[in-house]
Amino acid sequence: MRRNMHPLEIELLKEATVIKTFKQLEEEERMKKQEERMKRIFDLVPRRRRTLGRRRPRAKPQSRNFPKDPRKRSPVHKHITKPKWLLRVLQDMKVDTDPMMIIQKPLDLNDVDPSLNRLSIPFHTINCNNFMNSDETKILGDDDLNNEGQMGVAAFLVDQRTEQWPVVLKKGLFRTVSGRKFMGFLLGGEWSQVVKANGLLDKDNITLWSFRRNGILFFALDSAGDSIDFKE
């Protein structure tokens, strides 16, 4: 038998029903606002255009090959005949080790300009990159020292007349005659005197060799090969 509810219970039940209905309406309103907000956000996202027909294949990005510091690569040696005058110089100086060919290049206007007084040796043209010892590599590898332009590796250069010239090897960013920039070595010191004494001109082909005597770094400049023997 169903009992009669107390008037207070009836009022509480009505109040609970009203609260429940209010919460449902509040939740529905919140969900509606959230849907509208998500719709606005979705409208802001750029949509991909549909194209009719077959899709065009995407072009593969071209690889960009930048010149790297050759000291980070394994040495690459070209097989080239050593000039007789250089072998004679090594014998006279009592050097037992074989010379290393550093670079072959035609001289440009900057190389023979006495006001610049330097031979450029771009990294990407170096044939042998292990001609320096650890101390010399450390000096040229220090950006602070290199950027100041004051520090370098002291060496000597021997020409085909067996004259010896004090030179300095540095590293930095240089510019060619055409204006192109490159990283490389720079051989300074008395280089302009070497150019004058040997009559070097623009576009002359040279070969630069390297060897050591009593731990001192030497360079040998070959500008005429065996076609001219200054000893004869």
C-alpha atoms as a PDB file:
ATOM      1  CA  MET A   1       0.000   0.000   0.000  1.00  0.00           C
ATOM      2  CA  ARG A   2       1.468   3.302  -1.088  1.00  0.00           C
ATOM      3  CA  ARG A   3       1.952   5.704   1.744  1.00  0.00           C
ATOM      4  CA  ASN A   4       1.079   9.354   1.512  1.00  0.00           C
ATOM      5  CA  MET A   5       4.114  11.634   1.223  1.00  0.00           C
ATOM      6  CA  HIS A   6       4.665  14.329   3.739  1.00  0.00           C
ATOM      7  CA  PRO A   7       4.234  17.840   2.349  1.00  0.00           C
ATOM      8  CA  LEU A   8       7.874  18.588   3.208  1.00  0.00           C
ATOM      9  CA  GLU A   9       9.030  15.580   1.199  1.00  0.00           C
ATOM     10  CA  ILE A  10       6.950  16.747  -1.749  1.00  0.00           C
ATOM     11  CA  GLU A  11       8.589  20.165  -1.639  1.00  0.00           C
ATOM     12  CA  LEU A  12      12.081  18.656  -1.439  1.00  0.00           C
ATOM     13  CA  LEU A  13      11.327  16.361  -4.391  1.00  0.00           C
ATOM     14  CA  LYS A  14      10.102  19.290  -6.474  1.00  0.00           C
ATOM     15  CA  GLU A  15      13.170  21.301  -5.558  1.00  0.00           C
ATOM     16  CA  ALA A  16      15.477  18.394  -6.500  1.00  0.00           C
ATOM     17  CA  THR A  17      13.691  18.006  -9.840  1.00  0.00           C
ATOM     18  CA  VAL A  18      14.118  21.711 -10.567  1.00  0.00           C
ATOM     19  CA  ILE A  19      17.828  21.584  -9.667  1.00  0.00           C
ATOM     20  CA  LYS A  20      18.352  18.518 -11.871  1.00  0.00           C
ATOM     21  CA  THR A  21      16.563  20.154 -14.788  1.00  0.00           C
ATOM     22  CA  PHE A  22      18.603  23.346 -14.323  1.00  0.00           C
ATOM     23  CA  LYS A  23      21.868  21.380 -14.319  1.00  0.00           C
ATOM     24  CA  GLN A  24      20.855  19.557 -17.497  1.00  0.00           C
ATOM     25  CA  LEU A  25      20.061  22.829 -19.207  1.00  0.00           C
ATOM     26  CA  GLU A  26      23.350  24.295 -17.996  1.00  0.00           C
ATOM     27  CA  GLU A  27      25.279  21.265 -19.300  1.00  0.00           C
ATOM     28  CA  GLU A  28      23.503  21.422 -22.659  1.00  0.00           C
ATOM     29  CA  GLU A  29      24.313  25.116 -22.932  1.00  0.00           C
ATOM     30  CA  ARG A  30      27.972  24.465 -22.095  1.00  0.00           C
ATOM     31  CA  MET A  31      28.221  21.706 -24.720  1.00  0.00           C
ATOM     32  CA  LYS A  32      26.590  23.956 -27.295  1.00  0.00           C
ATOM     33  CA  LYS A  33      29.087  26.745 -26.621  1.00  0.00           C
ATOM     34  CA  GLN A  34      31.970  24.287 -26.830  1.00  0.00           C
ATOM     35  CA  GLU A  35      30.754  22.990 -30.204  1.00  0.00           C
ATOM     36  CA  GLU A  36      30.482  26.545 -31.529  1.00  0.00           C
ATOM     37  CA  ARG A  37      33.976  27.341 -30.262  1.00  0.00           C
ATOM     38  CA  MET A  38      35.467  24.240 -31.908  1.00  0.00           C
ATOM     39  CA  LYS A  39      33.696  25.125 -35.140  1.00  0.00           C
ATOM     40  CA  ARG A  40      35.253  28.599 -35.139  1.00  0.00           C
ATOM     41  CA  ILE A  41      38.695  27.115 -34.526  1.00  0.00           C
ATOM     42  CA  PHE A  42      38.194  24.597 -37.331  1.00  0.00           C
ATOM     43  CA  ASP A  43      37.215  27.395 -39.717  1.00  0.00           C
ATOM     44  CA  LEU A  44      40.534  29.126 -39.013  1.00  0.00           C
ATOM     45  CA  VAL A  45      42.576  26.094 -40.106  1.00  0.00           C
ATOM     46  CA  PRO A  46      43.608  26.403 -43.795  1.00  0.00           C
ATOM     47  CA  ARG A  47      42.131  23.606 -45.835  1.00  0.00           C
ATOM     48  CA  ARG A  48      43.915  21.801 -48.617  1.00  0.00           C
ATOM     49  CA  ARG A  49      42.582  22.606 -52.040  1.00  0.00           C
ATOM     50  CA  ARG A  50      41.261  19.745 -54.038  1.00  0.00           C
ATOM     51  CA  THR A  51      42.684  19.360 -57.491  1.00  0.00           C
ATOM     52  CA  LEU A  52      40.998  17.656 -60.383  1.00  0.00           C
ATOM     53  CA  GLY A  53      42.800  14.946 -62.246  1.00  0.00           C
ATOM     54  CA  ARG A  54      46.003  13.193 -61.288  1.00  0.00           C
ATOM     55  CA  ARG A  55      48.362  14.633 -58.730  1.00  0.00           C
ATOM     56  CA  ARG A  56      51.671  15.959 -59.892  1.00  0.00           C
ATOM     57  CA  PRO A  57      54.657  14.178 -58.386  1.00  0.00           C
ATOM     58  CA  ARG A  58      56.547  16.273 -55.886  1.00  0.00           C
ATOM     59  CA  ALA A  59      59.952  17.442 -56.999  1.00  0.00           C
ATOM     60  CA  LYS A  60      62.758  16.070 -54.891  1.00  0.00           C
ATOM     61  CA  PRO A  61      64.674  18.761 -53.017  1.00  0.00           C
ATOM     62  CA  GLN A  62      68.053  19.397 -54.540  1.00  0.00           C
ATOM     63  CA  SER A  63      70.960  18.544 -52.323  1.00  0.00           C
ATOM     64  CA  ARG A  64      73.274  21.425 -51.537  1.00  0.00           C
ATOM     65  CA  ASN A  65      76.892  20.436 -51.339  1.00  0.00           C
ATOM     66  CA  PHE A  66      78.890  22.814 -49.189  1.00  0.00           C
ATOM     67  CA  PRO A  67      82.665  22.717 -49.136  1.00  0.00           C
ATOM     68  CA  LYS A  68      83.931  21.069 -45.994  1.00  0.00           C
ATOM     69  CA  ASP A  69      87.044  21.573 -44.036  1.00  0.00           C
ATOM     70  CA  PRO A  70      89.396  18.954 -45.562  1.00  0.00           C
ATOM     71  CA  ARG A  71      91.028  18.317 -42.202  1.00  0.00           C
ATOM     72  CA  LYS A  72      87.835  16.512 -41.170  1.00  0.00           C
ATOM     73  CA  ARG A  73      88.108  14.095 -44.085  1.00  0.00           C
ATOM     74  CA  SER A  74      90.521  11.278 -44.748  1.00  0.00           C
ATOM     75  CA  PRO A  75      93.609  12.327 -46.731  1.00  0.00           C
ATOM     76  CA  VAL A  76      93.338  12.188 -50.504  1.00  0.00           C
ATOM     77  CA  HIS A  77      96.590  11.825 -52.408  1.00  0.00           C
ATOM     78  CA  LYS A  78      96.971  12.282 -56.138  1.00  0.00           C
ATOM     79  CA  HIS A  79      99.671  10.271 -57.831  1.00  0.00           C
ATOM     80  CA  ILE A  80     102.000  12.871 -59.280  1.00  0.00           C
ATOM     81  CA  THR A  81     105.642  12.633 -60.213  1.00  0.00           C
ATOM     82  CA  LYS A  82     107.939  14.551 -57.903  1.00  0.00           C
ATOM     83  CA  PRO A  83     110.147  17.010 -59.801  1.00  0.00           C
ATOM     84  CA  LYS A  84     113.842  16.177 -59.905  1.00  0.00           C
ATOM     85  CA  TRP A  85     114.886  19.516 -58.455  1.00  0.00           C
ATOM     86  CA  LEU A  86     112.752  18.864 -55.370  1.00  0.00           C
ATOM     87  CA  LEU A  87     114.292  15.423 -54.850  1.00  0.00           C
ATOM     88  CA  ARG A  88     117.727  17.022 -55.123  1.00  0.00           C
ATOM     89  CA  VAL A  89     116.779  19.664 -52.540  1.00  0.00           C
ATOM     90  CA  LEU A  90     115.549  16.984 -50.152  1.00  0.00           C
ATOM     91  CA  GLN A  91     118.793  15.086 -50.597  1.00  0.00           C
ATOM     92  CA  ASP A  92     120.912  18.192 -49.975  1.00  0.00           C
ATOM     93  CA  MET A  93     118.873  19.048 -46.871  1.00  0.00           C
ATOM     94  CA  LYS A  94     119.102  15.409 -45.698  1.00  0.00           C
ATOM     95  CA  VAL A  95     115.332  14.955 -45.543  1.00  0.00           C
ATOM     96  CA  ASP A  96     114.356  11.284 -45.415  1.00  0.00           C
ATOM     97  CA  THR A  97     110.556  11.597 -45.621  1.00  0.00           C
ATOM     98  CA  ASP A  98     108.643  11.909 -48.885  1.00  0.00           C
ATOM     99  CA  PRO A  99     107.194  15.333 -49.712  1.00  0.00           C
ATOM    100  CA  MET A 100     103.423  15.745 -49.839  1.00  0.00           C
ATOM    101  CA  MET A 101     101.735  17.557 -52.691  1.00  0.00           C
ATOM    102  CA  ILE A 102      99.420  20.180 -51.173  1.00  0.00           C
ATOM    103  CA  ILE A 103      97.833  21.891 -54.152  1.00  0.00           C
ATOM    104  CA  GLN A 104      98.015  22.439 -57.897  1.00  0.00           C
ATOM    105  CA  LYS A 105      96.426  25.639 -59.152  1.00  0.00           C
ATOM    106  CA  PRO A 106      96.732  28.531 -61.592  1.00  0.00           C
ATOM    107  CA  LEU A 107      97.617  31.799 -59.903  1.00  0.00           C
ATOM    108  CA  ASP A 108      95.036  34.577 -60.003  1.00  0.00           C
ATOM    109  CA  LEU A 109      95.463  38.342 -59.842  1.00  0.00           C
ATOM    110  CA  ASN A 110      95.146  38.362 -56.059  1.00  0.00           C
ATOM    111  CA  ASP A 111      97.936  35.788 -55.710  1.00  0.00           C
ATOM    112  CA  VAL A 112     100.424  38.011 -57.551  1.00  0.00           C
ATOM    113  CA  ASP A 113      99.240  41.341 -56.120  1.00  0.00           C
ATOM    114  CA  PRO A 114     102.135  42.688 -53.972  1.00  0.00           C
ATOM    115  CA  SER A 115      99.742  44.771 -51.865  1.00  0.00           C
ATOM    116  CA  LEU A 116      97.882  41.621 -50.767  1.00  0.00           C
ATOM    117  CA  ASN A 117     101.042  39.537 -50.323  1.00  0.00           C
ATOM    118  CA  ARG A 118      99.395  36.123 -50.040  1.00  0.00           C
ATOM    119  CA  LEU A 119      98.833  32.842 -51.840  1.00  0.00           C
ATOM    120  CA  SER A 120      95.293  31.522 -51.450  1.00  0.00           C
ATOM    121  CA  ILE A 121      94.833  27.792 -50.804  1.00  0.00           C
ATOM    122  CA  PRO A 122      91.089  26.966 -50.871  1.00  0.00           C
ATOM    123  CA  PHE A 123      90.074  23.993 -48.741  1.00  0.00           C
ATOM    124  CA  HIS A 124      88.202  22.281 -51.575  1.00  0.00           C
ATOM    125  CA  THR A 125      91.327  22.215 -53.772  1.00  0.00           C
ATOM    126  CA  ILE A 126      93.737  20.733 -51.222  1.00  0.00           C
ATOM    127  CA  ASN A 127      95.131  17.346 -52.214  1.00  0.00           C
ATOM    128  CA  CYS A 128      96.807  16.396 -48.933  1.00  0.00           C
ATOM    129  CA  ASN A 129      95.391  17.709 -45.679  1.00  0.00           C
ATOM    130  CA  ASN A 130      97.593  16.105 -43.005  1.00  0.00           C
ATOM    131  CA  PHE A 131     100.749  18.150 -43.544  1.00  0.00           C
ATOM    132  CA  MET A 132     100.406  19.961 -40.183  1.00  0.00           C
ATOM    133  CA  ASN A 133     101.116  18.559 -36.738  1.00  0.00           C
ATOM    134  CA  SER A 134      98.728  18.755 -33.780  1.00  0.00           C
ATOM    135  CA  ASP A 135     100.150  22.028 -32.409  1.00  0.00           C
ATOM    136  CA  GLU A 136      99.906  23.767 -35.786  1.00  0.00           C
ATOM    137  CA  THR A 137      96.385  22.479 -36.301  1.00  0.00           C
ATOM    138  CA  LYS A 138      95.395  23.802 -32.875  1.00  0.00           C
ATOM    139  CA  ILE A 139      96.751  27.277 -33.669  1.00  0.00           C
ATOM    140  CA  LEU A 140      94.867  27.523 -36.957  1.00  0.00           C
ATOM    141  CA  GLY A 141      91.763  25.912 -35.476  1.00  0.00           C
ATOM    142  CA  ASP A 142      91.325  28.611 -32.815  1.00  0.00           C
ATOM    143  CA  ASP A 143      88.703  31.020 -34.186  1.00  0.00           C
ATOM    144  CA  ASP A 144      89.737  33.815 -31.825  1.00  0.00           C
ATOM    145  CA  LEU A 145      93.341  33.685 -32.968  1.00  0.00           C
ATOM    146  CA  ASN A 146      92.379  33.279 -36.602  1.00  0.00           C
ATOM    147  CA  ASN A 147      89.870  36.131 -36.621  1.00  0.00           C
ATOM    148  CA  GLU A 148      92.408  38.504 -35.164  1.00  0.00           C
ATOM    149  CA  GLY A 149      94.592  37.842 -38.200  1.00  0.00           C
ATOM    150  CA  GLN A 150      97.775  37.977 -36.119  1.00  0.00           C
ATOM    151  CA  MET A 151      98.488  34.320 -35.350  1.00  0.00           C
ATOM    152  CA  GLY A 152      99.715  31.777 -37.853  1.00  0.00           C
ATOM    153  CA  VAL A 153     102.123  28.916 -38.387  1.00  0.00           C
ATOM    154  CA  ALA A 154     105.706  29.921 -39.193  1.00  0.00           C
ATOM    155  CA  ALA A 155     107.331  27.989 -42.032  1.00  0.00           C
ATOM    156  CA  PHE A 156     109.856  28.270 -44.860  1.00  0.00           C
ATOM    157  CA  LEU A 157     109.311  28.137 -48.607  1.00  0.00           C
ATOM    158  CA  VAL A 158     111.921  26.766 -51.007  1.00  0.00           C
ATOM    159  CA  ASP A 159     111.750  27.702 -54.685  1.00  0.00           C
ATOM    160  CA  GLN A 160     113.404  26.068 -57.696  1.00  0.00           C
ATOM    161  CA  ARG A 161     116.474  28.245 -57.202  1.00  0.00           C
ATOM    162  CA  THR A 162     116.786  26.627 -53.745  1.00  0.00           C
ATOM    163  CA  GLU A 163     116.223  30.028 -52.162  1.00  0.00           C
ATOM    164  CA  GLN A 164     114.493  29.874 -48.785  1.00  0.00           C
ATOM    165  CA  TRP A 165     111.849  32.395 -47.794  1.00  0.00           C
ATOM    166  CA  PRO A 166     110.149  32.792 -44.382  1.00  0.00           C
ATOM    167  CA  VAL A 167     106.377  32.494 -44.755  1.00  0.00           C
ATOM    168  CA  VAL A 168     103.339  32.327 -42.464  1.00  0.00           C
ATOM    169  CA  LEU A 169     100.355  30.013 -42.925  1.00  0.00           C
ATOM    170  CA  LYS A 170      96.964  31.301 -41.754  1.00  0.00           C
ATOM    171  CA  LYS A 171      93.325  30.284 -42.074  1.00  0.00           C
ATOM    172  CA  GLY A 172      90.279  32.379 -42.821  1.00  0.00           C
ATOM    173  CA  LEU A 173      87.519  33.520 -45.166  1.00  0.00           C
ATOM    174  CA  PHE A 174      88.788  34.963 -48.441  1.00  0.00           C
ATOM    175  CA  ARG A 175      87.404  36.432 -51.642  1.00  0.00           C
ATOM    176  CA  THR A 176      88.330  35.561 -55.221  1.00  0.00           C
ATOM    177  CA  VAL A 177      88.789  38.047 -58.068  1.00  0.00           C
ATOM    178  CA  SER A 178      85.188  37.364 -59.128  1.00  0.00           C
ATOM    179  CA  GLY A 179      83.959  38.156 -55.606  1.00  0.00           C
ATOM    180  CA  ARG A 180      83.153  34.587 -54.517  1.00  0.00           C
ATOM    181  CA  LYS A 181      83.939  33.819 -50.878  1.00  0.00           C
ATOM    182  CA  PHE A 182      85.667  30.652 -49.729  1.00  0.00           C
ATOM    183  CA  MET A 183      87.334  29.147 -46.674  1.00  0.00           C
ATOM    184  CA  GLY A 184      90.962  28.196 -46.949  1.00  0.00           C
ATOM    185  CA  PHE A 185      94.575  28.730 -46.005  1.00  0.00           C
ATOM    186  CA  LEU A 186      96.628  31.801 -46.778  1.00  0.00           C
ATOM    187  CA  LEU A 187     100.387  31.743 -47.268  1.00  0.00           C
ATOM    188  CA  GLY A 188     101.855  35.137 -46.420  1.00  0.00           C
ATOM    189  CA  GLY A 189     105.130  36.334 -44.942  1.00  0.00           C
ATOM    190  CA  GLU A 190     107.536  37.035 -47.822  1.00  0.00           C
ATOM    191  CA  TRP A 191     105.258  35.603 -50.502  1.00  0.00           C
ATOM    192  CA  SER A 192     105.394  38.793 -52.584  1.00  0.00           C
ATOM    193  CA  GLN A 193     109.198  38.474 -52.663  1.00  0.00           C
ATOM    194  CA  VAL A 194     108.802  34.906 -53.946  1.00  0.00           C
ATOM    195  CA  VAL A 195     106.507  36.154 -56.726  1.00  0.00           C
ATOM    196  CA  LYS A 196     108.979  38.850 -57.745  1.00  0.00           C
ATOM    197  CA  ALA A 197     112.085  36.632 -57.610  1.00  0.00           C
ATOM    198  CA  ASN A 198     110.476  33.863 -59.668  1.00  0.00           C
ATOM    199  CA  GLY A 199     108.682  36.162 -62.110  1.00  0.00           C
ATOM    200  CA  LEU A 200     105.280  34.643 -61.335  1.00  0.00           C
ATOM    201  CA  LEU A 201     102.314  36.018 -63.262  1.00  0.00           C
ATOM    202  CA  ASP A 202      98.557  35.670 -63.342  1.00  0.00           C
ATOM    203  CA  LYS A 203      97.403  32.244 -64.654  1.00  0.00           C
ATOM    204  CA  ASP A 204     100.814  30.624 -64.089  1.00  0.00           C
ATOM    205  CA  ASN A 205     100.366  27.023 -62.959  1.00  0.00           C
ATOM    206  CA  ILE A 206     102.102  26.130 -59.709  1.00  0.00           C
ATOM    207  CA  THR A 207     102.429  23.084 -57.487  1.00  0.00           C
ATOM    208  CA  LEU A 208     102.961  23.470 -53.753  1.00  0.00           C
ATOM    209  CA  TRP A 209     104.690  20.669 -51.847  1.00  0.00           C
ATOM    210  CA  SER A 210     105.282  20.177 -48.138  1.00  0.00           C
ATOM    211  CA  PHE A 211     107.943  18.427 -46.072  1.00  0.00           C
ATOM    212  CA  ARG A 212     109.629  18.705 -42.686  1.00  0.00           C
ATOM    213  CA  ARG A 213     113.191  19.157 -41.578  1.00  0.00           C
ATOM    214  CA  ASN A 214     114.021  18.855 -37.880  1.00  0.00           C
ATOM    215  CA  GLY A 215     110.326  19.304 -37.101  1.00  0.00           C
ATOM    216  CA  ILE A 216     110.082  22.608 -39.019  1.00  0.00           C
ATOM    217  CA  LEU A 217     107.402  22.944 -41.694  1.00  0.00           C
ATOM    218  CA  PHE A 218     108.721  23.621 -45.209  1.00  0.00           C
ATOM    219  CA  PHE A 219     106.906  24.344 -48.459  1.00  0.00           C
ATOM    220  CA  ALA A 220     108.390  23.828 -51.911  1.00  0.00           C
ATOM    221  CA  LEU A 221     107.106  25.875 -54.837  1.00  0.00           C
ATOM    222  CA  ASP A 222     107.288  24.297 -58.288  1.00  0.00           C
ATOM    223  CA  SER A 223     106.422  26.693 -61.101  1.00  0.00           C
ATOM    224  CA  ALA A 224     108.310  25.209 -64.058  1.00  0.00           C
ATOM    225  CA  GLY A 225     108.623  21.494 -63.316  1.00  0.00           C
ATOM    226  CA  ASP A 226     111.651  19.764 -64.804  1.00  0.00           C
ATOM    227  CA  SER A 227     111.543  21.903 -67.950  1.00  0.00           C
ATOM    228  CA  ILE A 228     114.003  24.297 -66.289  1.00  0.00           C
ATOM    229  CA  ASP A 229     116.912  23.150 -64.144  1.00  0.00           C
ATOM    230  CA  PHE A 230     118.531  26.094 -62.417  1.00  0.00           C
ATOM    231  CA  LYS A 231     121.489  23.933 -61.398  1.00  0.00           C
ATOM    232  CA  GLU A 232     122.576  23.348 -64.988  1.00  0.00           C
END
